[in-house]
């Protein structure tokens, strides 16, 4: 069983920055592929960024490329999402997701590939 706890959300003005953190329980964090998703009201949950087990391969949605950075610290069991140059359209609940005991060393882009989810953290960007 894995528990994911997100933190770092909040209210920020357009152009500002936030750093989300996701702390994972369990002793096998380094075997997990990790991802950040977001869901705005009335919209589908979408992938924002993903990272492989080693942290040396990442994926970004086109809408956040160049503004967001995903990273991980396997020693701390934590994955991060640094969000810069925030826009009002980034407003959403952000979810951390994990695919546990993943033998491949690739990032995962399909929502169905992840088997554990955090409770979400609200990010609101005002114009």
N, C-alpha and C. Protein backbone atom coordinates (compact mmCIF):
# COMPACT_ATOMS: atom_id res chain seq x y z
N UNK A 1 0.85 -1.19 0.00
CA UNK A 1 0.00 0.00 0.00
C UNK A 1 0.88 1.24 0.00
N UNK A 2 0.52 2.19 -0.83
CA UNK A 2 1.27 3.44 -0.94
C UNK A 2 0.32 4.59 -0.66
N UNK A 3 0.77 5.52 0.13
CA UNK A 3 0.01 6.75 0.35
C UNK A 3 0.78 7.92 -0.23
N UNK A 4 0.07 8.79 -0.94
CA UNK A 4 0.66 9.96 -1.56
C UNK A 4 0.02 11.19 -0.94
N UNK A 5 0.84 12.10 -0.46
CA UNK A 5 0.33 13.30 0.19
C UNK A 5 0.92 14.52 -0.50
N UNK A 6 0.05 15.28 -1.16
CA UNK A 6 0.49 16.50 -1.85
C UNK A 6 0.45 17.70 -0.92
N UNK A 7 1.30 18.66 -1.20
CA UNK A 7 1.29 19.92 -0.48
C UNK A 7 1.85 21.00 -1.39
N UNK A 8 1.63 22.26 -0.99
CA UNK A 8 2.22 23.37 -1.73
C UNK A 8 1.26 24.15 -2.60
N UNK A 9 0.01 23.70 -2.67
CA UNK A 9 -0.96 24.44 -3.47
C UNK A 9 -1.33 25.76 -2.80
N UNK A 10 -2.09 26.58 -3.52
CA UNK A 10 -2.53 27.85 -2.95
C UNK A 10 -3.00 28.80 -4.01
N UNK A 11 -3.12 30.06 -3.59
CA UNK A 11 -3.56 31.14 -4.47
C UNK A 11 -2.36 31.99 -4.85
N UNK A 12 -2.21 32.25 -6.13
CA UNK A 12 -1.07 33.04 -6.61
C UNK A 12 -1.54 33.90 -7.77
N UNK A 13 -0.89 35.03 -7.95
CA UNK A 13 -1.22 35.89 -9.08
C UNK A 13 -0.58 35.37 -10.35
N UNK A 14 -1.17 35.73 -11.46
CA UNK A 14 -0.61 35.34 -12.75
C UNK A 14 0.83 35.83 -12.85
N UNK A 15 1.69 34.95 -13.37
CA UNK A 15 3.10 35.25 -13.47
C UNK A 15 3.91 34.76 -12.28
N UNK A 16 3.22 34.36 -11.23
CA UNK A 16 3.88 33.88 -10.04
C UNK A 16 4.31 32.42 -10.13
N UNK A 17 4.82 31.91 -9.00
CA UNK A 17 5.33 30.54 -8.95
C UNK A 17 4.79 29.81 -7.73
N UNK A 18 4.70 28.51 -7.86
CA UNK A 18 4.40 27.61 -6.75
C UNK A 18 5.21 26.35 -6.93
N UNK A 19 5.50 25.70 -5.81
CA UNK A 19 6.20 24.41 -5.86
C UNK A 19 5.35 23.38 -5.13
N UNK A 20 4.87 22.39 -5.86
CA UNK A 20 4.12 21.32 -5.27
C UNK A 20 5.06 20.18 -4.87
N UNK A 21 4.72 19.55 -3.76
CA UNK A 21 5.47 18.38 -3.30
C UNK A 21 4.51 17.21 -3.11
N UNK A 22 5.01 16.01 -3.32
CA UNK A 22 4.21 14.81 -3.11
C UNK A 22 5.10 13.81 -2.37
N UNK A 23 4.76 13.56 -1.11
CA UNK A 23 5.52 12.62 -0.30
C UNK A 23 4.84 11.26 -0.35
N UNK A 24 5.63 10.24 -0.65
CA UNK A 24 5.09 8.89 -0.79
C UNK A 24 5.55 8.00 0.36
N UNK A 25 4.63 7.24 0.89
CA UNK A 25 4.99 6.26 1.91
C UNK A 25 5.50 4.99 1.23
N UNK A 26 6.07 4.10 2.01
CA UNK A 26 6.55 2.86 1.42
C UNK A 26 8.04 2.91 1.16
N UNK A 27 8.63 1.74 0.99
CA UNK A 27 10.08 1.65 0.87
C UNK A 27 10.55 1.46 -0.56
N UNK A 28 9.62 1.51 -1.50
CA UNK A 28 10.00 1.21 -2.88
C UNK A 28 9.79 2.39 -3.80
N UNK A 29 9.92 3.60 -3.27
CA UNK A 29 9.66 4.80 -4.07
C UNK A 29 10.52 4.82 -5.32
N UNK A 30 11.76 4.38 -5.21
CA UNK A 30 12.67 4.43 -6.36
C UNK A 30 12.24 3.49 -7.48
N UNK A 31 11.29 2.60 -7.21
CA UNK A 31 10.78 1.70 -8.24
C UNK A 31 9.51 2.24 -8.89
N UNK A 32 9.06 3.41 -8.45
CA UNK A 32 7.80 3.96 -8.94
C UNK A 32 8.02 4.96 -10.06
N UNK A 33 7.26 4.83 -11.14
CA UNK A 33 7.12 5.93 -12.09
C UNK A 33 6.11 6.90 -11.47
N UNK A 34 6.35 8.19 -11.62
CA UNK A 34 5.52 9.20 -10.98
C UNK A 34 4.98 10.20 -12.00
N UNK A 35 3.84 10.78 -11.66
CA UNK A 35 3.27 11.78 -12.54
C UNK A 35 2.47 12.81 -11.76
N UNK A 36 2.29 13.96 -12.38
CA UNK A 36 1.39 15.00 -11.88
C UNK A 36 0.28 15.20 -12.90
N UNK A 37 -0.94 15.17 -12.41
CA UNK A 37 -2.12 15.43 -13.22
C UNK A 37 -2.85 16.63 -12.65
N UNK A 38 -3.77 17.18 -13.44
CA UNK A 38 -4.62 18.25 -12.92
C UNK A 38 -6.02 18.10 -13.50
N UNK A 39 -6.97 18.63 -12.74
CA UNK A 39 -8.36 18.59 -13.17
C UNK A 39 -9.03 19.91 -12.84
N UNK A 40 -9.46 20.60 -13.87
CA UNK A 40 -10.20 21.84 -13.71
C UNK A 40 -11.69 21.53 -13.69
N UNK A 41 -12.50 22.41 -13.11
CA UNK A 41 -13.95 22.15 -13.03
C UNK A 41 -14.55 21.88 -14.41
N UNK A 42 -15.29 20.80 -14.51
CA UNK A 42 -15.96 20.47 -15.76
C UNK A 42 -15.07 19.87 -16.83
N UNK A 43 -13.81 19.60 -16.47
CA UNK A 43 -12.88 19.06 -17.47
C UNK A 43 -12.35 17.71 -17.01
N UNK A 44 -11.78 16.98 -17.98
CA UNK A 44 -11.17 15.70 -17.69
C UNK A 44 -9.84 15.91 -16.94
N UNK A 45 -9.47 14.92 -16.16
CA UNK A 45 -8.15 14.95 -15.52
C UNK A 45 -7.11 14.73 -16.61
N UNK A 46 -6.09 15.60 -16.62
CA UNK A 46 -5.09 15.54 -17.67
C UNK A 46 -3.69 15.46 -17.09
N UNK A 47 -2.81 14.81 -17.84
CA UNK A 47 -1.42 14.70 -17.43
C UNK A 47 -0.72 16.04 -17.62
N UNK A 48 0.00 16.45 -16.61
CA UNK A 48 0.80 17.67 -16.68
C UNK A 48 2.26 17.33 -16.93
N UNK A 49 2.80 16.40 -16.14
CA UNK A 49 4.21 16.03 -16.25
C UNK A 49 4.39 14.63 -15.69
N UNK A 50 5.42 13.95 -16.20
CA UNK A 50 5.73 12.61 -15.72
C UNK A 50 7.24 12.43 -15.66
N UNK A 51 7.68 11.50 -14.81
CA UNK A 51 9.10 11.29 -14.61
C UNK A 51 9.36 9.81 -14.40
N UNK A 52 10.48 9.33 -14.91
CA UNK A 52 10.81 7.92 -14.76
C UNK A 52 11.43 7.64 -13.40
N UNK A 53 11.75 6.38 -13.14
CA UNK A 53 12.22 5.99 -11.80
C UNK A 53 13.51 6.70 -11.43
N UNK A 54 14.42 6.81 -12.38
CA UNK A 54 15.73 7.40 -12.09
C UNK A 54 15.70 8.92 -12.06
N UNK A 55 14.66 9.50 -12.62
CA UNK A 55 14.57 10.94 -12.66
C UNK A 55 15.31 11.58 -13.82
N UNK A 56 15.78 10.75 -14.77
CA UNK A 56 16.55 11.31 -15.86
C UNK A 56 15.78 11.39 -17.17
N UNK A 57 14.50 11.09 -17.11
CA UNK A 57 13.66 11.20 -18.29
C UNK A 57 12.32 11.78 -17.86
N UNK A 58 11.89 12.85 -18.55
CA UNK A 58 10.67 13.54 -18.17
C UNK A 58 9.79 13.83 -19.38
N UNK A 59 8.52 14.05 -19.09
CA UNK A 59 7.54 14.41 -20.11
C UNK A 59 6.73 15.59 -19.61
N UNK A 60 6.38 16.50 -20.53
CA UNK A 60 5.54 17.64 -20.19
C UNK A 60 4.43 17.81 -21.22
N UNK A 61 3.26 18.17 -20.74
CA UNK A 61 2.20 18.55 -21.66
C UNK A 61 2.61 19.83 -22.37
N UNK A 62 2.17 19.99 -23.58
CA UNK A 62 2.54 21.18 -24.36
C UNK A 62 2.14 22.47 -23.63
N UNK A 63 1.05 22.42 -22.91
CA UNK A 63 0.53 23.63 -22.26
C UNK A 63 1.43 24.13 -21.13
N UNK A 64 2.31 23.27 -20.62
CA UNK A 64 3.16 23.68 -19.49
C UNK A 64 4.65 23.63 -19.83
N UNK A 65 4.97 23.16 -21.01
CA UNK A 65 6.37 23.01 -21.40
C UNK A 65 7.09 24.35 -21.32
N UNK A 66 8.26 24.35 -20.69
CA UNK A 66 9.03 25.58 -20.53
C UNK A 66 8.67 26.38 -19.29
N UNK A 67 7.57 26.02 -18.63
CA UNK A 67 7.14 26.74 -17.42
C UNK A 67 7.17 25.85 -16.17
N UNK A 68 6.90 24.57 -16.34
CA UNK A 68 6.86 23.64 -15.21
C UNK A 68 8.07 22.69 -15.28
N UNK A 69 8.51 22.26 -14.09
CA UNK A 69 9.61 21.31 -14.01
C UNK A 69 9.26 20.23 -12.99
N UNK A 70 9.32 18.98 -13.42
CA UNK A 70 9.11 17.86 -12.50
C UNK A 70 10.47 17.31 -12.10
N UNK A 71 10.57 16.93 -10.83
CA UNK A 71 11.81 16.34 -10.34
C UNK A 71 11.47 15.39 -9.19
N UNK A 72 12.45 14.61 -8.79
CA UNK A 72 12.20 13.68 -7.68
C UNK A 72 13.47 13.51 -6.86
N UNK A 73 13.25 13.18 -5.59
CA UNK A 73 14.35 12.88 -4.68
C UNK A 73 14.04 11.49 -4.11
N UNK A 74 14.67 10.47 -4.66
CA UNK A 74 14.36 9.10 -4.25
C UNK A 74 14.75 8.83 -2.80
N UNK A 75 15.77 9.51 -2.32
CA UNK A 75 16.17 9.34 -0.92
C UNK A 75 15.10 9.85 0.03
N UNK A 76 14.37 10.88 -0.40
CA UNK A 76 13.32 11.47 0.44
C UNK A 76 11.94 10.92 0.10
N UNK A 77 11.84 10.13 -0.94
CA UNK A 77 10.55 9.59 -1.34
C UNK A 77 9.58 10.68 -1.76
N UNK A 78 10.07 11.68 -2.47
CA UNK A 78 9.26 12.85 -2.81
C UNK A 78 9.44 13.22 -4.28
N UNK A 79 8.33 13.61 -4.89
CA UNK A 79 8.35 14.15 -6.24
C UNK A 79 7.84 15.58 -6.18
N UNK A 80 8.41 16.45 -7.02
CA UNK A 80 8.11 17.87 -6.99
C UNK A 80 7.57 18.33 -8.34
N UNK A 81 6.83 19.42 -8.29
CA UNK A 81 6.42 20.10 -9.52
C UNK A 81 6.63 21.60 -9.29
N UNK A 82 7.69 22.12 -9.91
CA UNK A 82 7.96 23.56 -9.84
C UNK A 82 7.16 24.22 -10.95
N UNK A 83 6.32 25.17 -10.59
CA UNK A 83 5.44 25.83 -11.56
C UNK A 83 5.77 27.31 -11.60
N UNK A 84 6.26 27.77 -12.72
CA UNK A 84 6.63 29.17 -12.91
C UNK A 84 5.76 29.80 -13.99
N UNK A 85 5.75 31.12 -14.02
CA UNK A 85 4.97 31.86 -15.02
C UNK A 85 3.54 31.34 -15.08
N UNK A 86 2.93 31.22 -13.94
CA UNK A 86 1.59 30.64 -13.87
C UNK A 86 0.57 31.51 -14.57
N UNK A 87 -0.41 30.84 -15.14
CA UNK A 87 -1.49 31.51 -15.88
C UNK A 87 -2.83 31.14 -15.24
N UNK A 88 -3.84 31.96 -15.44
CA UNK A 88 -5.17 31.62 -14.88
C UNK A 88 -5.67 30.25 -15.36
N UNK A 89 -5.31 29.86 -16.57
CA UNK A 89 -5.75 28.57 -17.08
C UNK A 89 -5.05 27.39 -16.41
N UNK A 90 -4.06 27.65 -15.57
CA UNK A 90 -3.43 26.58 -14.78
C UNK A 90 -4.24 26.25 -13.53
N UNK A 91 -5.27 27.03 -13.25
CA UNK A 91 -6.11 26.79 -12.09
C UNK A 91 -6.76 25.42 -12.17
N UNK A 92 -6.56 24.61 -11.14
CA UNK A 92 -7.07 23.24 -11.12
C UNK A 92 -6.71 22.59 -9.80
N UNK A 93 -7.26 21.42 -9.57
CA UNK A 93 -6.77 20.55 -8.50
C UNK A 93 -5.66 19.70 -9.10
N UNK A 94 -4.52 19.70 -8.44
CA UNK A 94 -3.36 18.96 -8.93
C UNK A 94 -3.20 17.68 -8.12
N UNK A 95 -3.03 16.57 -8.84
CA UNK A 95 -2.91 15.26 -8.23
C UNK A 95 -1.57 14.62 -8.54
N UNK A 96 -0.99 14.02 -7.54
CA UNK A 96 0.20 13.21 -7.69
C UNK A 96 -0.25 11.76 -7.93
N UNK A 97 0.47 11.05 -8.79
CA UNK A 97 0.12 9.68 -9.09
C UNK A 97 1.38 8.81 -9.15
N UNK A 98 1.21 7.55 -8.78
CA UNK A 98 2.34 6.62 -8.78
C UNK A 98 1.97 5.31 -9.45
N UNK A 99 2.92 4.78 -10.18
CA UNK A 99 2.81 3.42 -10.68
C UNK A 99 3.87 2.62 -9.94
N UNK A 100 3.41 1.73 -9.09
CA UNK A 100 4.34 1.03 -8.20
C UNK A 100 4.90 -0.23 -8.85
N UNK A 101 6.05 -0.65 -8.35
CA UNK A 101 6.72 -1.87 -8.80
C UNK A 101 6.78 -1.93 -10.33
N UNK A 102 7.21 -0.84 -10.88
CA UNK A 102 7.29 -0.73 -12.34
C UNK A 102 8.69 -1.12 -12.77
N UNK A 103 8.80 -2.17 -13.55
CA UNK A 103 10.13 -2.69 -13.92
C UNK A 103 10.79 -1.87 -15.02
N UNK A 104 9.99 -1.15 -15.79
CA UNK A 104 10.58 -0.34 -16.86
C UNK A 104 11.12 0.97 -16.32
N UNK A 105 12.01 1.58 -17.03
CA UNK A 105 12.60 2.87 -16.61
C UNK A 105 12.16 3.96 -17.59
N UNK A 106 10.83 4.06 -17.75
CA UNK A 106 10.28 5.07 -18.65
C UNK A 106 9.24 5.89 -17.90
N UNK A 107 8.97 7.08 -18.37
CA UNK A 107 7.84 7.81 -17.81
C UNK A 107 6.56 7.25 -18.42
N UNK A 108 5.46 7.45 -17.73
CA UNK A 108 4.17 6.92 -18.17
C UNK A 108 3.21 8.08 -18.41
N UNK A 109 2.51 8.06 -19.53
CA UNK A 109 1.64 9.18 -19.88
C UNK A 109 0.16 8.85 -19.79
N UNK A 110 -0.19 7.58 -19.71
CA UNK A 110 -1.61 7.22 -19.66
C UNK A 110 -2.11 7.22 -18.22
N UNK A 111 -3.27 7.85 -18.01
CA UNK A 111 -3.85 7.91 -16.68
C UNK A 111 -4.07 6.50 -16.12
N UNK A 112 -4.44 5.58 -16.97
CA UNK A 112 -4.73 4.21 -16.55
C UNK A 112 -3.49 3.44 -16.12
N UNK A 113 -2.31 3.97 -16.42
CA UNK A 113 -1.06 3.31 -16.03
C UNK A 113 -0.74 3.47 -14.56
N UNK A 114 -1.36 4.45 -13.92
CA UNK A 114 -1.05 4.75 -12.52
C UNK A 114 -2.03 4.02 -11.59
N UNK A 115 -1.51 3.47 -10.50
CA UNK A 115 -2.37 2.71 -9.60
C UNK A 115 -2.55 3.33 -8.21
N UNK A 116 -1.86 4.42 -7.93
CA UNK A 116 -2.09 5.13 -6.67
C UNK A 116 -2.18 6.62 -6.96
N UNK A 117 -3.09 7.29 -6.21
CA UNK A 117 -3.34 8.71 -6.40
C UNK A 117 -3.37 9.42 -5.05
N UNK A 118 -2.91 10.66 -5.06
CA UNK A 118 -3.05 11.49 -3.88
C UNK A 118 -4.44 12.10 -3.82
N UNK A 119 -4.66 12.88 -2.77
CA UNK A 119 -5.98 13.47 -2.56
C UNK A 119 -6.15 14.78 -3.33
N UNK A 120 -5.07 15.32 -3.84
CA UNK A 120 -5.14 16.54 -4.63
C UNK A 120 -4.87 17.78 -3.80
N UNK A 121 -4.34 18.79 -4.47
CA UNK A 121 -4.12 20.09 -3.85
C UNK A 121 -4.57 21.18 -4.83
N UNK A 122 -5.29 22.16 -4.31
CA UNK A 122 -5.87 23.20 -5.16
C UNK A 122 -4.82 24.25 -5.52
N UNK A 123 -4.75 24.57 -6.79
CA UNK A 123 -3.93 25.68 -7.28
C UNK A 123 -4.87 26.67 -7.97
N UNK A 124 -4.85 27.90 -7.50
CA UNK A 124 -5.69 28.94 -8.09
C UNK A 124 -4.81 30.10 -8.52
N UNK A 125 -4.91 30.47 -9.79
CA UNK A 125 -4.11 31.55 -10.34
C UNK A 125 -5.06 32.69 -10.71
N UNK A 126 -4.87 33.83 -10.07
CA UNK A 126 -5.73 34.98 -10.34
C UNK A 126 -5.12 35.87 -11.42
N UNK A 127 -5.99 36.50 -12.18
CA UNK A 127 -5.50 37.36 -13.29
C UNK A 127 -5.31 38.80 -12.83
